[in-house]
Amino acid sequence: MTLAELQRDFRSWLVSPSDDTASRLGTDIMAGLSVYQNNYRAQLVGCLEESFPQVRAWLGDDAFLPAAMTHIDSHPPHAWTLDAYPGDFNETLTALYPDNPDLHELAWIENALSEAFVASDAEPLPVDALATIDWDSARLHLAPSFMSRAATTNAHSIWSALSEQKDVPEGEMLAEPGGLIVWRRQFTSCLKQVDALELEALLHLQENGSFAALCDMLVERLGDDEGVAAAGTLLAGWLGSELIVGVEQASPHHHQ
């Protein structure tokens, strides 16, 4: 057996032990393999526990640990660092608990907050830079850490109560679907629940960037006066919370 074959079989044994793999490795190696396998699984369980403390608290260990083991059995590590391992745990939770959207949204919140913390840095816009902007041609850039998803449950309230160690509400559907947004502000990952219109506006801005196009969309939804007012209110909020980190002034077109 070559070293490469030994390494391949050893990894296979760690991920999914089988009699076939055991026979290839030999009895002299097998005696100590259970120690490595226990360490491997314990390390991955610890990684998921550290990454999803509120999901663990919400589910309880009796449900969280079997879910973690199910994930480990079906999702071996795929990157050089364990920081990437928890990213698809929500897929396992969704498969195990398909009728619990509050759990899916809670798991998304925890993973998004972690990912935002290690996202690329961005400096906030200086206030004096805003005075000279031609908003008709401005293209706005969201923080590179920005992430969003639709929200249908009170997962935001559940996460807040769990993280602040307050009384946790029962999971329930929102009266009106909205959105969850996550971004990093300096050294702090931020979470906010937004209404459906603000989520749509942010997604529109993320795809298009044009403030004028955003105004047009809001005017179409709300009418002239309300649409323009909403655009101004949203822009002020995004700038104040450092969701907008760049404004690009489009070059004027010259006609021959």
Foldseek 3Di string as FASTA:
>chain_A
DDPVVLVVLLVCCLQPNDPVSDVVNDPVVVVPSVVVSVVQLVVQLVLLCVLQVLLCVVVDPVPSVVLSVVCSNVPPDDDPDCLCVLVCSLVSVCVVCVPCVLSSVLSVVSNLQSQQQPFDDFDADDPVVPPPADLQQKFWDFARSKDKDKAFKVSVQQNVCSVVVHDGDDIDTDPAIAMWMWHDDVNGIDIDTGGNLLVVLVVCSNVPRRLNVSLVVQCVVPNNPVSVVVSVVSVVVCSVRRRTRDMDGDDDDDDD
